[in-house]
Amino acid sequence: MAKVTGFRDRIEVLQGTLDLLILQTLAWGPQHGYGLSTMISTSSGNALQVDTGSLYPALHRLERQGAITAEWTKSEHNQRVRLYRLTAGGRRHLAAERSKWEQLKEAIAGVLTPPAGSKA
């Protein structure tokens, strides 16, 4: 499981959630690792901070699966960085993961919301 810093304590996210976050962030455009980490943090209102120890293994795994591609390039600060891009297969993977996430979200909401007439 991937580790992120959430609010005050370290929390572990569900397996596959980090992949979903990475794929969604890359759907907005190519990014290098630090940029991905920053965008995930910013997009989550700084609630999620992705450890490099979780981010880079996930990027390598997604690259091996063909969901993303990577190439070495120069950053805007003239530093050598690895730029990651979403592939067509990655877009399909993202759509499937988003669907699973929506189902999970609805299932959890159903459990957290007491049935009508029950005492919570």
C-alpha atoms as a PDB file:
ATOM      1  CA  MET A   1       0.000   0.000   0.000  1.00  0.00           C
ATOM      2  CA  ALA A   2       1.120   3.512  -0.736  1.00  0.00           C
ATOM      3  CA  LYS A   3       1.808   5.877   2.101  1.00  0.00           C
ATOM      4  CA  VAL A   4       0.685   9.461   2.058  1.00  0.00           C
ATOM      5  CA  THR A   5       0.747  12.064   4.750  1.00  0.00           C
ATOM      6  CA  GLY A   6      -2.810  12.943   5.528  1.00  0.00           C
ATOM      7  CA  PHE A   7      -3.712  15.773   7.840  1.00  0.00           C
ATOM      8  CA  ARG A   8      -1.539  14.983  10.878  1.00  0.00           C
ATOM      9  CA  ASP A   9      -0.879  11.268  10.714  1.00  0.00           C
ATOM     10  CA  ARG A  10       0.481   8.968   8.061  1.00  0.00           C
ATOM     11  CA  ILE A  11      -2.284   6.998   6.465  1.00  0.00           C
ATOM     12  CA  GLU A  12      -2.219   4.204   3.974  1.00  0.00           C
ATOM     13  CA  VAL A  13      -4.414   4.536   0.936  1.00  0.00           C
ATOM     14  CA  LEU A  14      -6.258   1.633  -0.622  1.00  0.00           C
ATOM     15  CA  GLN A  15      -4.211  -0.362  -3.062  1.00  0.00           C
ATOM     16  CA  GLY A  16      -4.671   1.128  -6.511  1.00  0.00           C
ATOM     17  CA  THR A  17      -5.570   4.584  -5.206  1.00  0.00           C
ATOM     18  CA  LEU A  18      -2.104   5.997  -5.834  1.00  0.00           C
ATOM     19  CA  ASP A  19      -2.240   4.638  -9.394  1.00  0.00           C
ATOM     20  CA  LEU A  20      -5.597   6.369  -9.836  1.00  0.00           C
ATOM     21  CA  LEU A  21      -4.169   9.664  -8.539  1.00  0.00           C
ATOM     22  CA  ILE A  22      -1.137   9.422 -10.831  1.00  0.00           C
ATOM     23  CA  LEU A  23      -3.169   8.501 -13.917  1.00  0.00           C
ATOM     24  CA  GLN A  24      -5.695  11.283 -13.283  1.00  0.00           C
ATOM     25  CA  THR A  25      -2.934  13.841 -12.798  1.00  0.00           C
ATOM     26  CA  LEU A  26      -1.240  12.743 -16.034  1.00  0.00           C
ATOM     27  CA  ALA A  27      -4.598  13.036 -17.839  1.00  0.00           C
ATOM     28  CA  TRP A  28      -4.203  16.790 -17.296  1.00  0.00           C
ATOM     29  CA  GLY A  29      -0.858  16.703 -19.111  1.00  0.00           C
ATOM     30  CA  PRO A  30       2.700  15.318 -19.024  1.00  0.00           C
ATOM     31  CA  GLN A  31       4.566  15.787 -15.771  1.00  0.00           C
ATOM     32  CA  HIS A  32       7.809  14.852 -14.058  1.00  0.00           C
ATOM     33  CA  GLY A  33       7.805  13.108 -10.689  1.00  0.00           C
ATOM     34  CA  TYR A  34       8.138  16.203  -8.522  1.00  0.00           C
ATOM     35  CA  GLY A  35       5.423  17.909 -10.567  1.00  0.00           C
ATOM     36  CA  LEU A  36       3.108  14.936 -10.058  1.00  0.00           C
ATOM     37  CA  SER A  37       3.691  14.981  -6.321  1.00  0.00           C
ATOM     38  CA  THR A  38       3.067  18.739  -6.184  1.00  0.00           C
ATOM     39  CA  MET A  39      -0.114  18.536  -8.268  1.00  0.00           C
ATOM     40  CA  ILE A  40      -1.548  15.729  -6.133  1.00  0.00           C
ATOM     41  CA  SER A  41      -0.797  17.743  -3.010  1.00  0.00           C
ATOM     42  CA  THR A  42      -2.247  20.959  -4.424  1.00  0.00           C
ATOM     43  CA  SER A  43      -5.332  19.258  -5.885  1.00  0.00           C
ATOM     44  CA  SER A  44      -6.095  17.631  -2.532  1.00  0.00           C
ATOM     45  CA  GLY A  45      -5.822  20.895  -0.617  1.00  0.00           C
ATOM     46  CA  ASN A  46      -2.480  19.670   0.766  1.00  0.00           C
ATOM     47  CA  ALA A  47      -4.261  16.750   2.486  1.00  0.00           C
ATOM     48  CA  LEU A  48      -2.240  14.212   0.474  1.00  0.00           C
ATOM     49  CA  GLN A  49       1.546  14.240   0.330  1.00  0.00           C
ATOM     50  CA  VAL A  50       2.920  11.372  -1.744  1.00  0.00           C
ATOM     51  CA  ASP A  51       6.221   9.939  -0.502  1.00  0.00           C
ATOM     52  CA  THR A  52       8.884   9.516  -3.174  1.00  0.00           C
ATOM     53  CA  GLY A  53       9.311   5.982  -1.847  1.00  0.00           C
ATOM     54  CA  SER A  54       5.751   5.272  -3.020  1.00  0.00           C
ATOM     55  CA  LEU A  55       5.593   7.538  -6.077  1.00  0.00           C
ATOM     56  CA  TYR A  56       8.544   6.267  -8.096  1.00  0.00           C
ATOM     57  CA  PRO A  57       7.825   2.544  -7.678  1.00  0.00           C
ATOM     58  CA  ALA A  58       4.232   3.268  -8.770  1.00  0.00           C
ATOM     59  CA  LEU A  59       5.485   5.197 -11.821  1.00  0.00           C
ATOM     60  CA  HIS A  60       7.817   2.343 -12.772  1.00  0.00           C
ATOM     61  CA  ARG A  61       5.012  -0.204 -12.329  1.00  0.00           C
ATOM     62  CA  LEU A  62       2.613   1.858 -14.473  1.00  0.00           C
ATOM     63  CA  GLU A  63       5.317   2.205 -17.122  1.00  0.00           C
ATOM     64  CA  ARG A  64       5.900  -1.575 -17.178  1.00  0.00           C
ATOM     65  CA  GLN A  65       2.138  -2.081 -17.542  1.00  0.00           C
ATOM     66  CA  GLY A  66       2.068   0.278 -20.536  1.00  0.00           C
ATOM     67  CA  ALA A  67      -0.253   2.782 -18.835  1.00  0.00           C
ATOM     68  CA  ILE A  68       2.360   5.545 -19.060  1.00  0.00           C
ATOM     69  CA  THR A  69       5.497   6.298 -21.025  1.00  0.00           C
ATOM     70  CA  ALA A  70       8.559   8.157 -19.827  1.00  0.00           C
ATOM     71  CA  GLU A  71      11.373  10.017 -21.519  1.00  0.00           C
ATOM     72  CA  TRP A  72      14.360  11.990 -20.317  1.00  0.00           C
ATOM     73  CA  THR A  73      14.167  15.708 -21.093  1.00  0.00           C
ATOM     74  CA  LYS A  74      15.252  19.096 -19.719  1.00  0.00           C
ATOM     75  CA  SER A  75      13.061  20.952 -17.230  1.00  0.00           C
ATOM     76  CA  GLU A  76      12.249  24.653 -17.366  1.00  0.00           C
ATOM     77  CA  HIS A  77      15.236  25.055 -15.023  1.00  0.00           C
ATOM     78  CA  ASN A  78      17.495  23.174 -17.448  1.00  0.00           C
ATOM     79  CA  GLN A  79      17.674  20.106 -15.211  1.00  0.00           C
ATOM     80  CA  ARG A  80      17.476  16.585 -16.593  1.00  0.00           C
ATOM     81  CA  VAL A  81      14.098  15.103 -15.609  1.00  0.00           C
ATOM     82  CA  ARG A  82      11.995  12.116 -16.570  1.00  0.00           C
ATOM     83  CA  LEU A  83       8.722  13.262 -18.148  1.00  0.00           C
ATOM     84  CA  TYR A  84       5.745  10.912 -17.805  1.00  0.00           C
ATOM     85  CA  ARG A  85       2.799  10.754 -20.230  1.00  0.00           C
ATOM     86  CA  LEU A  86      -0.456   8.849 -20.206  1.00  0.00           C
ATOM     87  CA  THR A  87      -0.886   6.294 -23.020  1.00  0.00           C
ATOM     88  CA  ALA A  88      -4.139   5.225 -24.689  1.00  0.00           C
ATOM     89  CA  GLY A  89      -4.014   2.112 -22.508  1.00  0.00           C
ATOM     90  CA  GLY A  90      -3.499   4.352 -19.505  1.00  0.00           C
ATOM     91  CA  ARG A  91      -6.633   6.325 -20.389  1.00  0.00           C
ATOM     92  CA  ARG A  92      -8.620   3.077 -20.498  1.00  0.00           C
ATOM     93  CA  HIS A  93      -7.057   2.009 -17.187  1.00  0.00           C
ATOM     94  CA  LEU A  94      -7.971   5.403 -15.684  1.00  0.00           C
ATOM     95  CA  ALA A  95     -11.589   5.067 -16.824  1.00  0.00           C
ATOM     96  CA  ALA A  96     -11.833   1.599 -15.262  1.00  0.00           C
ATOM     97  CA  GLU A  97     -10.223   2.765 -12.002  1.00  0.00           C
ATOM     98  CA  ARG A  98     -12.511   5.806 -11.797  1.00  0.00           C
ATOM     99  CA  SER A  99     -15.521   3.524 -12.235  1.00  0.00           C
ATOM    100  CA  LYS A 100     -14.301   1.232  -9.436  1.00  0.00           C
ATOM    101  CA  TRP A 101     -13.651   4.272  -7.226  1.00  0.00           C
ATOM    102  CA  GLU A 102     -17.201   5.583  -7.803  1.00  0.00           C
ATOM    103  CA  GLN A 103     -18.645   2.168  -6.886  1.00  0.00           C
ATOM    104  CA  LEU A 104     -16.521   2.026  -3.734  1.00  0.00           C
ATOM    105  CA  LYS A 105     -17.466   5.593  -2.801  1.00  0.00           C
ATOM    106  CA  GLU A 106     -21.186   4.798  -3.160  1.00  0.00           C
ATOM    107  CA  ALA A 107     -20.837   1.563  -1.170  1.00  0.00           C
ATOM    108  CA  ILE A 108     -19.041   3.309   1.697  1.00  0.00           C
ATOM    109  CA  ALA A 109     -21.565   6.165   1.675  1.00  0.00           C
ATOM    110  CA  GLY A 110     -24.323   3.556   1.949  1.00  0.00           C
ATOM    111  CA  VAL A 111     -22.724   2.075   5.042  1.00  0.00           C
ATOM    112  CA  LEU A 112     -22.038   5.480   6.620  1.00  0.00           C
ATOM    113  CA  THR A 113     -25.592   6.654   6.030  1.00  0.00           C
ATOM    114  CA  PRO A 114     -28.015   4.853   8.338  1.00  0.00           C
ATOM    115  CA  PRO A 115     -31.171   3.394   6.807  1.00  0.00           C
ATOM    116  CA  ALA A 116     -34.323   5.476   7.248  1.00  0.00           C
ATOM    117  CA  GLY A 117     -35.929   4.840  10.624  1.00  0.00           C
ATOM    118  CA  SER A 118     -32.835   3.352  12.271  1.00  0.00           C
ATOM    119  CA  LYS A 119     -31.076   4.819  15.274  1.00  0.00           C
ATOM    120  CA  ALA A 120     -27.529   5.845  14.469  1.00  0.00           C
END
